[in-house]
Amino acid sequence: MSTDWLSLPELVELTGEPLGRVRRMLDEHQLIASRRFGAPRVPSVFLMDGSPISALRGTIIVLQDAGFSDDEAIDWLLAPEDSIGVAPIDALRQGRKSEVRRVAQSLA
């Protein structure tokens, strides 16, 4: 899946939150960022209507508990998943949280 990658200043602009609050969203796993492009960047599909997708936080925690790095968790969320039929992030955007988390837990 192709996605735009948002820098922290772009997240500040998009969410209307101060930089400290955006950093706290990352610390609290409401969002997850990749550093593979240098500075932290977040896939734009992780937000809806200017806020993190509510079901994302618990899913990130499940993936981290399964031993995923941030980059591995992002890659899993963005890649098509056969058992779900779409990329997990698309399923989360459609409100299919329990299905996504069940698959994520099976990866542990």
N, C-alpha and C. Protein backbone atom coordinates (compact mmCIF):
# COMPACT_ATOMS: atom_id res chain seq x y z
N MET A 1 0.84 -1.18 0.00
CA MET A 1 0.00 0.00 0.00
C MET A 1 0.89 1.24 0.00
N SER A 2 0.54 2.18 -0.80
CA SER A 2 1.28 3.43 -0.88
C SER A 2 0.68 4.43 0.12
N THR A 3 1.54 5.08 0.87
CA THR A 3 1.06 6.07 1.84
C THR A 3 2.02 7.24 1.87
N ASP A 4 1.49 8.39 2.22
CA ASP A 4 2.35 9.54 2.48
C ASP A 4 2.93 9.38 3.88
N TRP A 5 4.14 9.86 4.05
CA TRP A 5 4.81 9.80 5.35
C TRP A 5 4.88 11.21 5.90
N LEU A 6 4.38 11.40 7.10
CA LEU A 6 4.29 12.72 7.71
C LEU A 6 5.40 12.94 8.73
N SER A 7 6.06 14.08 8.62
CA SER A 7 7.07 14.46 9.62
C SER A 7 6.34 14.96 10.87
N LEU A 8 7.09 15.12 11.96
CA LEU A 8 6.46 15.65 13.18
C LEU A 8 5.88 17.06 12.96
N PRO A 9 6.60 17.97 12.27
CA PRO A 9 5.97 19.28 12.01
C PRO A 9 4.67 19.17 11.18
N GLU A 10 4.64 18.23 10.23
CA GLU A 10 3.41 18.02 9.45
C GLU A 10 2.29 17.47 10.34
N LEU A 11 2.64 16.60 11.29
CA LEU A 11 1.64 16.07 12.22
C LEU A 11 1.08 17.20 13.10
N VAL A 12 1.96 18.11 13.55
CA VAL A 12 1.52 19.26 14.34
C VAL A 12 0.48 20.05 13.55
N GLU A 13 0.80 20.30 12.28
CA GLU A 13 -0.11 21.07 11.43
C GLU A 13 -1.43 20.32 11.20
N LEU A 14 -1.34 19.04 10.91
CA LEU A 14 -2.52 18.24 10.59
C LEU A 14 -3.44 18.05 11.79
N THR A 15 -2.85 17.77 12.95
CA THR A 15 -3.66 17.49 14.14
C THR A 15 -4.06 18.75 14.90
N GLY A 16 -3.31 19.85 14.68
CA GLY A 16 -3.57 21.05 15.44
C GLY A 16 -3.06 20.97 16.86
N GLU A 17 -2.27 19.94 17.16
CA GLU A 17 -1.72 19.74 18.50
C GLU A 17 -0.30 20.30 18.55
N PRO A 18 0.14 20.75 19.73
CA PRO A 18 1.53 21.21 19.85
C PRO A 18 2.50 20.03 19.71
N LEU A 19 3.76 20.34 19.38
CA LEU A 19 4.77 19.30 19.17
C LEU A 19 4.89 18.37 20.37
N GLY A 20 4.85 18.92 21.58
CA GLY A 20 4.94 18.07 22.78
C GLY A 20 3.83 17.04 22.84
N ARG A 21 2.63 17.43 22.44
CA ARG A 21 1.49 16.49 22.44
C ARG A 21 1.67 15.43 21.35
N VAL A 22 2.19 15.83 20.20
CA VAL A 22 2.44 14.86 19.12
C VAL A 22 3.49 13.84 19.58
N ARG A 23 4.53 14.32 20.24
CA ARG A 23 5.55 13.39 20.77
C ARG A 23 4.95 12.44 21.80
N ARG A 24 4.03 12.97 22.62
CA ARG A 24 3.36 12.13 23.62
C ARG A 24 2.49 11.07 22.94
N MET A 25 1.85 11.42 21.82
CA MET A 25 1.07 10.42 21.06
C MET A 25 1.97 9.26 20.65
N LEU A 26 3.20 9.57 20.26
CA LEU A 26 4.16 8.52 19.89
C LEU A 26 4.57 7.72 21.13
N ASP A 27 4.89 8.41 22.22
CA ASP A 27 5.30 7.73 23.46
C ASP A 27 4.20 6.82 23.99
N GLU A 28 2.95 7.26 23.82
CA GLU A 28 1.80 6.49 24.35
C GLU A 28 1.26 5.48 23.33
N HIS A 29 1.95 5.32 22.21
CA HIS A 29 1.59 4.36 21.16
C HIS A 29 0.27 4.65 20.48
N GLN A 30 -0.20 5.90 20.56
CA GLN A 30 -1.38 6.27 19.77
C GLN A 30 -0.99 6.33 18.29
N LEU A 31 0.29 6.63 18.07
CA LEU A 31 0.88 6.61 16.73
C LEU A 31 2.22 5.89 16.82
N ILE A 32 2.71 5.47 15.69
CA ILE A 32 4.01 4.80 15.63
C ILE A 32 4.77 5.39 14.44
N ALA A 33 6.06 5.63 14.65
CA ALA A 33 6.86 6.30 13.63
C ALA A 33 8.03 5.43 13.20
N SER A 34 8.45 5.65 11.97
CA SER A 34 9.64 5.00 11.43
C SER A 34 10.76 6.03 11.35
N ARG A 35 11.98 5.58 11.63
CA ARG A 35 13.14 6.45 11.49
C ARG A 35 13.98 6.03 10.28
N ARG A 36 13.44 5.16 9.43
CA ARG A 36 14.24 4.70 8.30
C ARG A 36 14.51 5.79 7.27
N PHE A 37 13.81 6.91 7.38
CA PHE A 37 14.04 8.05 6.47
C PHE A 37 14.79 9.16 7.19
N GLY A 38 15.39 8.87 8.34
CA GLY A 38 16.06 9.89 9.13
C GLY A 38 15.19 10.30 10.29
N ALA A 39 14.61 11.49 10.20
CA ALA A 39 13.72 11.98 11.26
C ALA A 39 12.46 11.11 11.31
N PRO A 40 11.83 11.00 12.49
CA PRO A 40 10.63 10.15 12.60
C PRO A 40 9.53 10.59 11.63
N ARG A 41 8.92 9.61 10.99
CA ARG A 41 7.80 9.86 10.08
C ARG A 41 6.70 8.84 10.35
N VAL A 42 5.47 9.30 10.21
CA VAL A 42 4.29 8.48 10.49
C VAL A 42 3.48 8.33 9.20
N PRO A 43 3.05 7.11 8.86
CA PRO A 43 2.18 6.96 7.68
C PRO A 43 0.88 7.75 7.86
N SER A 44 0.53 8.50 6.82
CA SER A 44 -0.67 9.35 6.92
C SER A 44 -1.94 8.54 7.13
N VAL A 45 -1.97 7.28 6.67
CA VAL A 45 -3.17 6.45 6.83
C VAL A 45 -3.42 6.07 8.29
N PHE A 46 -2.48 6.39 9.19
CA PHE A 46 -2.68 6.10 10.61
C PHE A 46 -3.57 7.15 11.28
N LEU A 47 -3.96 8.18 10.50
CA LEU A 47 -4.83 9.23 11.02
C LEU A 47 -6.13 9.27 10.22
N MET A 48 -7.20 9.64 10.91
CA MET A 48 -8.48 9.90 10.26
C MET A 48 -9.03 11.19 10.84
N ASP A 49 -9.46 12.08 9.99
CA ASP A 49 -10.04 13.36 10.42
C ASP A 49 -9.12 14.11 11.38
N GLY A 50 -7.80 14.05 11.11
CA GLY A 50 -6.84 14.81 11.89
C GLY A 50 -6.47 14.23 13.24
N SER A 51 -6.87 12.98 13.49
CA SER A 51 -6.54 12.32 14.77
C SER A 51 -6.07 10.89 14.49
N PRO A 52 -5.27 10.33 15.43
CA PRO A 52 -4.88 8.93 15.27
C PRO A 52 -6.12 8.03 15.26
N ILE A 53 -6.10 6.98 14.47
CA ILE A 53 -7.19 6.00 14.48
C ILE A 53 -7.26 5.41 15.88
N SER A 54 -8.42 5.43 16.50
CA SER A 54 -8.54 5.02 17.90
C SER A 54 -8.10 3.57 18.14
N ALA A 55 -8.35 2.69 17.19
CA ALA A 55 -8.01 1.28 17.37
C ALA A 55 -6.52 1.00 17.16
N LEU A 56 -5.77 2.02 16.72
CA LEU A 56 -4.36 1.79 16.41
C LEU A 56 -3.53 1.51 17.66
N ARG A 57 -3.78 2.23 18.74
CA ARG A 57 -2.96 2.11 19.95
C ARG A 57 -2.89 0.66 20.46
N GLY A 58 -4.03 0.05 20.67
CA GLY A 58 -4.04 -1.33 21.18
C GLY A 58 -3.39 -2.30 20.22
N THR A 59 -3.55 -2.07 18.94
CA THR A 59 -2.95 -2.94 17.93
C THR A 59 -1.43 -2.80 17.95
N ILE A 60 -0.93 -1.57 18.09
CA ILE A 60 0.51 -1.35 18.19
C ILE A 60 1.06 -2.09 19.40
N ILE A 61 0.37 -2.00 20.53
CA ILE A 61 0.82 -2.66 21.75
C ILE A 61 0.85 -4.18 21.57
N VAL A 62 -0.17 -4.74 20.93
CA VAL A 62 -0.19 -6.19 20.66
C VAL A 62 1.02 -6.59 19.81
N LEU A 63 1.30 -5.80 18.76
CA LEU A 63 2.44 -6.11 17.89
C LEU A 63 3.76 -5.98 18.63
N GLN A 64 3.90 -4.95 19.47
CA GLN A 64 5.14 -4.80 20.24
C GLN A 64 5.29 -5.94 21.24
N ASP A 65 4.19 -6.36 21.85
CA ASP A 65 4.24 -7.51 22.77
C ASP A 65 4.66 -8.78 22.04
N ALA A 66 4.35 -8.84 20.73
CA ALA A 66 4.72 -10.00 19.92
C ALA A 66 6.18 -9.91 19.46
N GLY A 67 6.87 -8.83 19.84
CA GLY A 67 8.29 -8.70 19.52
C GLY A 67 8.59 -7.89 18.27
N PHE A 68 7.58 -7.23 17.72
CA PHE A 68 7.79 -6.42 16.52
C PHE A 68 8.51 -5.12 16.86
N SER A 69 9.47 -4.73 16.03
CA SER A 69 10.05 -3.39 16.12
C SER A 69 9.02 -2.41 15.56
N ASP A 70 9.27 -1.11 15.73
CA ASP A 70 8.34 -0.13 15.18
C ASP A 70 8.22 -0.28 13.66
N ASP A 71 9.37 -0.43 12.97
CA ASP A 71 9.33 -0.58 11.51
C ASP A 71 8.60 -1.86 11.10
N GLU A 72 8.83 -2.95 11.82
CA GLU A 72 8.13 -4.20 11.49
C GLU A 72 6.62 -4.06 11.70
N ALA A 73 6.22 -3.38 12.77
CA ALA A 73 4.80 -3.18 13.04
C ALA A 73 4.17 -2.32 11.94
N ILE A 74 4.87 -1.26 11.54
CA ILE A 74 4.36 -0.40 10.46
C ILE A 74 4.22 -1.21 9.17
N ASP A 75 5.26 -1.99 8.84
CA ASP A 75 5.22 -2.80 7.61
C ASP A 75 4.04 -3.77 7.65
N TRP A 76 3.80 -4.41 8.79
CA TRP A 76 2.70 -5.36 8.90
C TRP A 76 1.36 -4.64 8.73
N LEU A 77 1.23 -3.48 9.36
CA LEU A 77 -0.03 -2.73 9.27
C LEU A 77 -0.33 -2.29 7.84
N LEU A 78 0.71 -2.00 7.05
CA LEU A 78 0.52 -1.46 5.70
C LEU A 78 0.43 -2.53 4.62
N ALA A 79 0.93 -3.73 4.89
CA ALA A 79 0.98 -4.78 3.86
C ALA A 79 -0.34 -5.56 3.82
N PRO A 80 -0.75 -5.99 2.62
CA PRO A 80 -1.96 -6.84 2.53
C PRO A 80 -1.80 -8.09 3.40
N GLU A 81 -2.84 -8.43 4.12
CA GLU A 81 -2.82 -9.60 5.01
C GLU A 81 -3.90 -10.56 4.52
N ASP A 82 -3.47 -11.73 4.03
CA ASP A 82 -4.41 -12.69 3.43
C ASP A 82 -5.56 -13.06 4.35
N SER A 83 -5.28 -13.28 5.64
CA SER A 83 -6.33 -13.74 6.55
C SER A 83 -7.38 -12.66 6.82
N ILE A 84 -7.07 -11.40 6.51
CA ILE A 84 -8.02 -10.31 6.71
C ILE A 84 -8.64 -9.89 5.37
N GLY A 85 -7.88 -10.08 4.30
CA GLY A 85 -8.37 -9.74 2.97
C GLY A 85 -7.93 -8.36 2.50
N VAL A 86 -7.42 -7.55 3.41
CA VAL A 86 -6.90 -6.20 3.10
C VAL A 86 -5.72 -5.95 4.03
N ALA A 87 -5.06 -4.82 3.85
CA ALA A 87 -4.01 -4.44 4.79
C ALA A 87 -4.66 -4.20 6.16
N PRO A 88 -3.99 -4.60 7.25
CA PRO A 88 -4.57 -4.39 8.58
C PRO A 88 -4.99 -2.95 8.85
N ILE A 89 -4.23 -1.97 8.37
CA ILE A 89 -4.62 -0.58 8.62
C ILE A 89 -5.95 -0.25 7.93
N ASP A 90 -6.18 -0.83 6.76
CA ASP A 90 -7.47 -0.61 6.08
C ASP A 90 -8.60 -1.23 6.89
N ALA A 91 -8.37 -2.41 7.46
CA ALA A 91 -9.39 -3.05 8.29
C ALA A 91 -9.66 -2.21 9.54
N LEU A 92 -8.60 -1.66 10.15
CA LEU A 92 -8.80 -0.79 11.32
C LEU A 92 -9.61 0.44 10.94
N ARG A 93 -9.33 1.01 9.78
CA ARG A 93 -10.07 2.19 9.31
C ARG A 93 -11.55 1.85 9.07
N GLN A 94 -11.83 0.56 8.79
CA GLN A 94 -13.21 0.11 8.56
C GLN A 94 -13.88 -0.33 9.87
N GLY A 95 -13.17 -0.22 11.00
CA GLY A 95 -13.76 -0.59 12.29
C GLY A 95 -13.64 -2.07 12.62
N ARG A 96 -12.74 -2.78 11.97
CA ARG A 96 -12.61 -4.22 12.18
C ARG A 96 -11.47 -4.52 13.17
N LYS A 97 -11.48 -3.84 14.31
CA LYS A 97 -10.41 -3.91 15.29
C LYS A 97 -10.18 -5.32 15.83
N SER A 98 -11.24 -6.03 16.25
CA SER A 98 -11.02 -7.34 16.88
C SER A 98 -10.43 -8.35 15.91
N GLU A 99 -10.84 -8.28 14.66
CA GLU A 99 -10.29 -9.18 13.65
C GLU A 99 -8.78 -8.94 13.47
N VAL A 100 -8.40 -7.67 13.38
CA VAL A 100 -6.99 -7.31 13.20
C VAL A 100 -6.18 -7.75 14.41
N ARG A 101 -6.69 -7.49 15.60
CA ARG A 101 -5.93 -7.85 16.81
C ARG A 101 -5.81 -9.35 16.98
N ARG A 102 -6.85 -10.08 16.58
CA ARG A 102 -6.78 -11.55 16.68
C ARG A 102 -5.64 -12.07 15.79
N VAL A 103 -5.53 -11.55 14.57
CA VAL A 103 -4.44 -11.95 13.67
C VAL A 103 -3.09 -11.51 14.24
N ALA A 104 -3.03 -10.29 14.77
CA ALA A 104 -1.78 -9.78 15.34
C ALA A 104 -1.33 -10.65 16.51
N GLN A 105 -2.26 -11.07 17.36
CA GLN A 105 -1.91 -11.91 18.50
C GLN A 105 -1.39 -13.26 18.05
N SER A 106 -1.88 -13.75 16.93
CA SER A 106 -1.43 -15.07 16.45
C SER A 106 0.01 -15.03 15.94
N LEU A 107 0.56 -13.83 15.76
CA LEU A 107 1.93 -13.70 15.27
C LEU A 107 2.96 -13.84 16.37
N ALA A 108 2.51 -13.78 17.61
CA ALA A 108 3.45 -13.84 18.75
C ALA A 108 4.11 -15.19 18.86
